[in-house]
Amino acid sequence: LTGDDPFQLFAEMARREAIEPAHAFYLGYEMAKAITALTLGKNYVQDQALRWGFLTVPEHSHRDKMQGDE
């Protein structure tokens, strides 16, 4: 899926298949970061912190914990 409206994207995903609550939460979190990046003209990369220059705070992904990398 592609688009710039997170609400439409989420509705389309839900229409196609059931979304588990934990996955819905994760998708909402990532979509919020994506729309923030789009609005501010920044780049978005899934599971990575938004780049704010020297103000960037490292973001630990849930995938790091799943892989044992803390």
Protein backbone atom coordinates (compact mmCIF):
# COMPACT_ATOMS: atom_id res chain seq x y z
CA LEU A 1 0.00 0.00 0.00
CA THR A 2 1.08 3.55 -0.61
CA GLY A 3 -0.43 6.88 0.31
CA ASP A 4 -0.07 9.91 2.51
CA ASP A 5 -3.19 9.59 4.69
CA PRO A 6 -2.57 7.18 7.58
CA PHE A 7 -6.29 6.86 8.31
CA GLN A 8 -7.06 5.74 4.75
CA LEU A 9 -4.10 3.35 4.75
CA PHE A 10 -5.16 1.79 8.04
CA ALA A 11 -8.76 1.43 6.86
CA GLU A 12 -7.58 -0.28 3.67
CA MET A 13 -5.37 -2.69 5.61
CA ALA A 14 -8.23 -3.54 7.97
CA ARG A 15 -10.55 -4.08 5.00
CA ARG A 16 -8.14 -6.58 3.46
CA GLU A 17 -7.53 -8.68 6.58
CA ALA A 18 -7.99 -8.73 10.34
CA ILE A 19 -5.26 -6.91 12.24
CA GLU A 20 -4.13 -8.18 15.64
CA PRO A 21 -4.31 -5.50 18.38
CA ALA A 22 -0.53 -5.54 19.00
CA HIS A 23 0.16 -5.15 15.29
CA ALA A 24 -2.42 -2.35 15.03
CA PHE A 25 -0.65 -0.51 17.86
CA TYR A 26 2.73 -0.94 16.15
CA LEU A 27 1.34 0.22 12.80
CA GLY A 28 -0.25 3.27 14.43
CA TYR A 29 3.06 4.19 16.07
CA GLU A 30 5.00 3.85 12.83
CA MET A 31 2.32 5.71 10.83
CA ALA A 32 2.47 8.59 13.31
CA LYS A 33 6.22 8.84 12.75
CA ALA A 34 5.75 8.59 8.98
CA ILE A 35 3.16 11.39 8.80
CA THR A 36 5.33 13.57 11.07
CA ALA A 37 8.29 13.03 8.74
CA LEU A 38 6.15 13.74 5.67
CA THR A 39 4.73 16.93 7.21
CA LEU A 40 8.18 18.23 8.18
CA GLY A 41 9.94 17.19 4.97
CA LYS A 42 12.06 14.57 6.76
CA ASN A 43 12.89 11.03 5.67
CA TYR A 44 11.12 8.12 7.31
CA VAL A 45 12.64 4.66 7.72
CA GLN A 46 10.58 1.98 9.45
CA ASP A 47 11.86 0.98 12.91
CA GLN A 48 14.38 3.83 13.01
CA ALA A 49 14.29 7.13 14.86
CA LEU A 50 13.41 10.22 12.87
CA ARG A 51 16.58 12.16 12.10
CA TRP A 52 16.59 15.59 13.78
CA GLY A 53 20.31 16.27 13.38
CA PHE A 54 22.12 16.67 16.70
CA LEU A 55 18.75 16.45 18.51
CA THR A 56 18.15 12.86 17.34
CA VAL A 57 17.45 10.50 20.22
CA PRO A 58 18.20 6.83 19.51
CA GLU A 59 15.06 4.74 19.30
CA HIS A 60 15.16 1.11 20.37
CA SER A 61 13.01 -1.12 18.21
CA HIS A 62 10.86 -3.93 19.52
CA ARG A 63 12.64 -6.04 16.92
CA ASP A 64 15.93 -5.52 18.78
CA LYS A 65 14.43 -7.17 21.85
CA MET A 66 13.00 -10.02 19.79
CA GLN A 67 16.45 -10.69 18.32
CA GLY A 68 18.19 -10.40 21.71
CA ASP A 69 19.98 -7.13 20.83
CA GLU A 70 19.33 -4.74 23.71
